[in-house]
Structures are given as C-alpha cells and as structure tokens.
Amino acid sequence: MHDDILDAADWAVHEKIADPQKIAIMGGSYGGYETLVGLTFTPDRFACGVDIVGPSNLLTLLKTIPPYWGPALQMFKDRVGDPTTEEGKSCSWNARR
C-alpha cells in the first residue's frame, strides 16, 4: 500500500497538481497507520502528516481487539500474519518490534 501512496504523490507532482515540498499524508484508522508508515519510512517525501486513531503498534492492536471484531481479526491474521504462530512471528512487521 505504501508504494501506492508514493506513486500517487509522484503522479500529483508530475501532473503539476502538487509541490513535492508541500505534500502531506493523512488518514484515519488503517489510513492513520499508513500515515505513520509514510512519516517513518519515507520522511523525505512528506512535509507533514496527520494520524487519526491509527495504530502505532500492530501487536498491541491485535492484543486489544474487542470480541465483536472477531471476523476482522481473522481477516487481519489471514492477510498480514498471525503473531500467535511461529510463521506469523517471523513476519517482518513482527520482527521489528
């Protein structure tokens, strides 16, 4: 997903819609997480960012999911990895903690 954000920013600059020195990144929830990713991994690409309730620690997020989010939790584990398994513990996002 982050590559898509960078591609969109490059497109906006190429089309003269955006000034590369004034690009901001903003999002809520998962978009907030992407905002933190953008500011952390590519800080030279964004002048500023606004994270609206984005999780800053995926392991903490997974440990605090309420029961009624059960189906979403399983979907997350299927897509990102299950940190309760050996295979999931070896995921790069888990190894960085």
N, C-alpha and C. Protein backbone atom coordinates (compact mmCIF):
# COMPACT_ATOMS: atom_id res chain seq x y z
N MET A 1 0.82 -1.18 0.00
CA MET A 1 0.00 0.00 0.00
C MET A 1 0.87 1.26 0.00
N HIS A 2 1.96 1.22 0.74
CA HIS A 2 2.79 2.42 0.80
C HIS A 2 3.33 2.79 -0.58
N ASP A 3 3.67 1.79 -1.37
CA ASP A 3 4.12 2.07 -2.73
C ASP A 3 3.04 2.81 -3.52
N ASP A 4 1.79 2.45 -3.30
CA ASP A 4 0.68 3.14 -3.99
C ASP A 4 0.60 4.60 -3.58
N ILE A 5 0.81 4.88 -2.30
CA ILE A 5 0.78 6.26 -1.81
C ILE A 5 1.92 7.06 -2.47
N LEU A 6 3.10 6.46 -2.51
CA LEU A 6 4.23 7.14 -3.14
C LEU A 6 3.99 7.36 -4.63
N ASP A 7 3.40 6.37 -5.29
CA ASP A 7 3.07 6.51 -6.72
C ASP A 7 2.08 7.64 -6.94
N ALA A 8 1.08 7.74 -6.06
CA ALA A 8 0.08 8.81 -6.19
C ALA A 8 0.73 10.18 -5.99
N ALA A 9 1.63 10.27 -5.02
CA ALA A 9 2.33 11.54 -4.79
C ALA A 9 3.18 11.90 -6.01
N ASP A 10 3.89 10.92 -6.56
CA ASP A 10 4.70 11.16 -7.76
C ASP A 10 3.83 11.62 -8.92
N TRP A 11 2.67 10.99 -9.08
CA TRP A 11 1.75 11.36 -10.15
C TRP A 11 1.30 12.81 -9.98
N ALA A 12 0.92 13.18 -8.75
CA ALA A 12 0.44 14.54 -8.49
C ALA A 12 1.54 15.57 -8.77
N VAL A 13 2.76 15.24 -8.45
CA VAL A 13 3.88 16.14 -8.74
C VAL A 13 4.09 16.22 -10.26
N HIS A 14 4.10 15.08 -10.91
CA HIS A 14 4.30 15.04 -12.36
C HIS A 14 3.23 15.83 -13.10
N GLU A 15 2.00 15.75 -12.63
CA GLU A 15 0.88 16.46 -13.26
C GLU A 15 0.80 17.93 -12.83
N LYS A 16 1.75 18.36 -12.03
CA LYS A 16 1.82 19.73 -11.52
C LYS A 16 0.61 20.09 -10.65
N ILE A 17 0.06 19.09 -10.00
CA ILE A 17 -1.05 19.28 -9.05
C ILE A 17 -0.49 19.59 -7.67
N ALA A 18 0.69 19.06 -7.37
CA ALA A 18 1.27 19.20 -6.04
C ALA A 18 2.72 19.65 -6.11
N ASP A 19 3.12 20.41 -5.12
CA ASP A 19 4.50 20.81 -4.93
C ASP A 19 5.17 19.71 -4.10
N PRO A 20 6.26 19.10 -4.58
CA PRO A 20 6.86 17.97 -3.85
C PRO A 20 7.34 18.35 -2.44
N GLN A 21 7.55 19.63 -2.19
CA GLN A 21 7.98 20.07 -0.87
C GLN A 21 6.81 20.33 0.08
N LYS A 22 5.58 20.20 -0.43
CA LYS A 22 4.41 20.53 0.38
C LYS A 22 3.38 19.40 0.41
N ILE A 23 3.81 18.18 0.21
CA ILE A 23 2.88 17.05 0.22
C ILE A 23 2.68 16.57 1.65
N ALA A 24 1.43 16.44 2.03
CA ALA A 24 1.07 15.93 3.36
C ALA A 24 0.45 14.56 3.21
N ILE A 25 0.46 13.81 4.29
CA ILE A 25 -0.17 12.49 4.31
C ILE A 25 -1.11 12.47 5.51
N MET A 26 -2.30 11.91 5.31
CA MET A 26 -3.30 11.92 6.38
C MET A 26 -4.19 10.69 6.25
N GLY A 27 -4.61 10.16 7.38
CA GLY A 27 -5.54 9.05 7.33
C GLY A 27 -6.04 8.68 8.71
N GLY A 28 -7.16 7.98 8.71
CA GLY A 28 -7.75 7.51 9.96
C GLY A 28 -7.77 6.00 10.01
N SER A 29 -7.59 5.47 11.19
CA SER A 29 -7.57 4.03 11.43
C SER A 29 -6.43 3.41 10.62
N TYR A 30 -6.73 2.53 9.68
CA TYR A 30 -5.66 1.94 8.87
C TYR A 30 -4.92 3.01 8.08
N GLY A 31 -5.66 4.02 7.63
CA GLY A 31 -5.02 5.15 6.95
C GLY A 31 -4.09 5.91 7.88
N GLY A 32 -4.44 5.96 9.15
CA GLY A 32 -3.56 6.57 10.14
C GLY A 32 -2.28 5.77 10.30
N TYR A 33 -2.44 4.45 10.27
CA TYR A 33 -1.25 3.57 10.30
C TYR A 33 -0.37 3.86 9.10
N GLU A 34 -0.97 3.98 7.92
CA GLU A 34 -0.20 4.29 6.71
C GLU A 34 0.47 5.65 6.84
N THR A 35 -0.20 6.61 7.48
CA THR A 35 0.42 7.91 7.72
C THR A 35 1.70 7.74 8.53
N LEU A 36 1.63 6.94 9.58
CA LEU A 36 2.82 6.70 10.41
C LEU A 36 3.91 5.97 9.61
N VAL A 37 3.51 5.02 8.76
CA VAL A 37 4.46 4.32 7.90
C VAL A 37 5.15 5.33 6.98
N GLY A 38 4.35 6.19 6.35
CA GLY A 38 4.91 7.18 5.43
C GLY A 38 5.90 8.11 6.10
N LEU A 39 5.54 8.58 7.29
CA LEU A 39 6.42 9.51 8.00
C LEU A 39 7.66 8.82 8.55
N THR A 40 7.55 7.53 8.84
CA THR A 40 8.68 6.78 9.39
C THR A 40 9.64 6.30 8.32
N PHE A 41 9.11 5.67 7.28
CA PHE A 41 9.97 5.04 6.28
C PHE A 41 10.38 5.97 5.14
N THR A 42 9.59 7.00 4.87
CA THR A 42 9.92 7.93 3.79
C THR A 42 9.69 9.38 4.25
N PRO A 43 10.35 9.80 5.32
CA PRO A 43 10.10 11.14 5.87
C PRO A 43 10.47 12.27 4.91
N ASP A 44 11.35 11.99 3.96
CA ASP A 44 11.74 13.00 2.99
C ASP A 44 10.65 13.27 1.95
N ARG A 45 9.63 12.43 1.90
CA ARG A 45 8.57 12.57 0.89
C ARG A 45 7.38 13.39 1.36
N PHE A 46 7.27 13.63 2.67
CA PHE A 46 6.09 14.31 3.20
C PHE A 46 6.49 15.47 4.10
N ALA A 47 5.84 16.60 3.88
CA ALA A 47 6.10 17.79 4.69
C ALA A 47 5.50 17.64 6.08
N CYS A 48 4.39 16.91 6.16
CA CYS A 48 3.74 16.69 7.45
C CYS A 48 2.74 15.55 7.31
N GLY A 49 2.20 15.11 8.43
CA GLY A 49 1.21 14.04 8.42
C GLY A 49 0.26 14.17 9.58
N VAL A 50 -0.96 13.67 9.37
CA VAL A 50 -1.98 13.66 10.41
C VAL A 50 -2.48 12.23 10.57
N ASP A 51 -2.22 11.65 11.73
CA ASP A 51 -2.68 10.30 12.05
C ASP A 51 -3.92 10.43 12.93
N ILE A 52 -5.04 9.93 12.44
CA ILE A 52 -6.29 9.96 13.20
C ILE A 52 -6.58 8.54 13.66
N VAL A 53 -6.36 8.27 14.90
CA VAL A 53 -6.56 6.97 15.56
C VAL A 53 -5.91 5.79 14.85
N GLY A 54 -4.79 6.03 14.22
CA GLY A 54 -4.06 4.94 13.58
C GLY A 54 -3.24 4.18 14.60
N PRO A 55 -3.21 2.86 14.52
CA PRO A 55 -2.40 2.09 15.47
C PRO A 55 -0.91 2.29 15.20
N SER A 56 -0.16 2.47 16.25
CA SER A 56 1.28 2.64 16.09
C SER A 56 2.04 1.35 16.41
N ASN A 57 1.34 0.36 16.96
CA ASN A 57 1.96 -0.92 17.29
C ASN A 57 0.96 -2.02 16.95
N LEU A 58 1.25 -2.78 15.91
CA LEU A 58 0.29 -3.80 15.46
C LEU A 58 0.10 -4.91 16.48
N LEU A 59 1.14 -5.27 17.21
CA LEU A 59 0.98 -6.32 18.21
C LEU A 59 0.05 -5.87 19.34
N THR A 60 0.22 -4.64 19.79
CA THR A 60 -0.68 -4.11 20.81
C THR A 60 -2.10 -4.05 20.29
N LEU A 61 -2.27 -3.62 19.05
CA LEU A 61 -3.60 -3.57 18.44
C LEU A 61 -4.26 -4.95 18.48
N LEU A 62 -3.53 -5.96 18.04
CA LEU A 62 -4.10 -7.31 17.99
C LEU A 62 -4.46 -7.84 19.37
N LYS A 63 -3.70 -7.44 20.38
CA LYS A 63 -3.98 -7.90 21.75
C LYS A 63 -5.19 -7.19 22.37
N THR A 64 -5.61 -6.08 21.79
CA THR A 64 -6.69 -5.30 22.39
C THR A 64 -7.95 -5.27 21.54
N ILE A 65 -8.04 -6.12 20.55
CA ILE A 65 -9.23 -6.18 19.69
C ILE A 65 -10.42 -6.66 20.52
N PRO A 66 -11.54 -5.94 20.49
CA PRO A 66 -12.72 -6.39 21.23
C PRO A 66 -13.34 -7.63 20.57
N PRO A 67 -14.05 -8.43 21.33
CA PRO A 67 -14.61 -9.67 20.79
C PRO A 67 -15.49 -9.48 19.55
N TYR A 68 -16.23 -8.39 19.49
CA TYR A 68 -17.13 -8.20 18.35
C TYR A 68 -16.37 -7.90 17.05
N TRP A 69 -15.07 -7.69 17.12
CA TRP A 69 -14.24 -7.51 15.93
C TRP A 69 -13.65 -8.85 15.48
N GLY A 70 -14.09 -9.95 16.04
CA GLY A 70 -13.54 -11.26 15.74
C GLY A 70 -13.35 -11.56 14.27
N PRO A 71 -14.37 -11.36 13.43
CA PRO A 71 -14.18 -11.64 11.99
C PRO A 71 -13.09 -10.77 11.37
N ALA A 72 -12.99 -9.53 11.78
CA ALA A 72 -11.96 -8.65 11.24
C ALA A 72 -10.57 -9.10 11.70
N LEU A 73 -10.49 -9.60 12.92
CA LEU A 73 -9.20 -10.08 13.44
C LEU A 73 -8.71 -11.27 12.61
N GLN A 74 -9.59 -12.18 12.30
CA GLN A 74 -9.19 -13.33 11.49
C GLN A 74 -8.76 -12.88 10.10
N MET A 75 -9.47 -11.93 9.52
CA MET A 75 -9.09 -11.41 8.21
C MET A 75 -7.69 -10.76 8.27
N PHE A 76 -7.43 -10.02 9.34
CA PHE A 76 -6.12 -9.41 9.52
C PHE A 76 -5.04 -10.48 9.58
N LYS A 77 -5.29 -11.52 10.38
CA LYS A 77 -4.31 -12.60 10.50
C LYS A 77 -4.07 -13.29 9.16
N ASP A 78 -5.14 -13.46 8.38
CA ASP A 78 -5.01 -14.10 7.07
C ASP A 78 -4.19 -13.24 6.11
N ARG A 79 -4.37 -11.93 6.17
CA ARG A 79 -3.71 -11.03 5.23
C ARG A 79 -2.30 -10.61 5.65
N VAL A 80 -2.11 -10.40 6.95
CA VAL A 80 -0.85 -9.84 7.43
C VAL A 80 0.03 -10.89 8.10
N GLY A 81 -0.57 -11.81 8.78
CA GLY A 81 0.17 -12.82 9.52
C GLY A 81 -0.38 -12.94 10.93
N ASP A 82 -0.28 -14.11 11.48
CA ASP A 82 -0.80 -14.40 12.82
C ASP A 82 0.36 -14.44 13.80
N PRO A 83 0.47 -13.43 14.68
CA PRO A 83 1.61 -13.39 15.59
C PRO A 83 1.55 -14.45 16.70
N THR A 84 0.50 -15.25 16.72
CA THR A 84 0.42 -16.34 17.70
C THR A 84 1.00 -17.63 17.16
N THR A 85 1.45 -17.63 15.89
CA THR A 85 2.07 -18.81 15.29
C THR A 85 3.55 -18.54 15.02
N GLU A 86 4.33 -19.59 14.88
CA GLU A 86 5.75 -19.43 14.58
C GLU A 86 5.95 -18.72 13.24
N GLU A 87 5.15 -19.11 12.25
CA GLU A 87 5.26 -18.46 10.94
C GLU A 87 4.92 -16.97 11.05
N GLY A 88 3.87 -16.66 11.78
CA GLY A 88 3.48 -15.26 11.95
C GLY A 88 4.50 -14.47 12.74
N LYS A 89 5.14 -15.09 13.71
CA LYS A 89 6.16 -14.40 14.49
C LYS A 89 7.37 -14.03 13.65
N SER A 90 7.57 -14.74 12.54
CA SER A 90 8.72 -14.45 11.68
C SER A 90 8.43 -13.36 10.66
N CYS A 91 7.20 -12.85 10.61
CA CYS A 91 6.87 -11.78 9.66
C CYS A 91 7.71 -10.56 9.94
N SER A 92 8.06 -9.84 8.90
CA SER A 92 8.93 -8.68 9.06
C SER A 92 8.31 -7.62 9.97
N TRP A 93 6.99 -7.43 9.90
CA TRP A 93 6.38 -6.39 10.76
C TRP A 93 6.45 -6.80 12.22
N ASN A 94 6.47 -8.09 12.50
CA ASN A 94 6.55 -8.56 13.87
C ASN A 94 8.00 -8.54 14.37
N ALA A 95 8.93 -8.81 13.50
CA ALA A 95 10.33 -8.88 13.87
C ALA A 95 10.91 -7.52 14.23
N ARG A 96 10.26 -6.44 13.80
CA ARG A 96 10.77 -5.09 14.05
C ARG A 96 10.43 -4.56 15.43
N ARG A 97 9.61 -5.24 16.17
CA ARG A 97 9.14 -4.69 17.44
C ARG A 97 10.20 -4.49 18.45
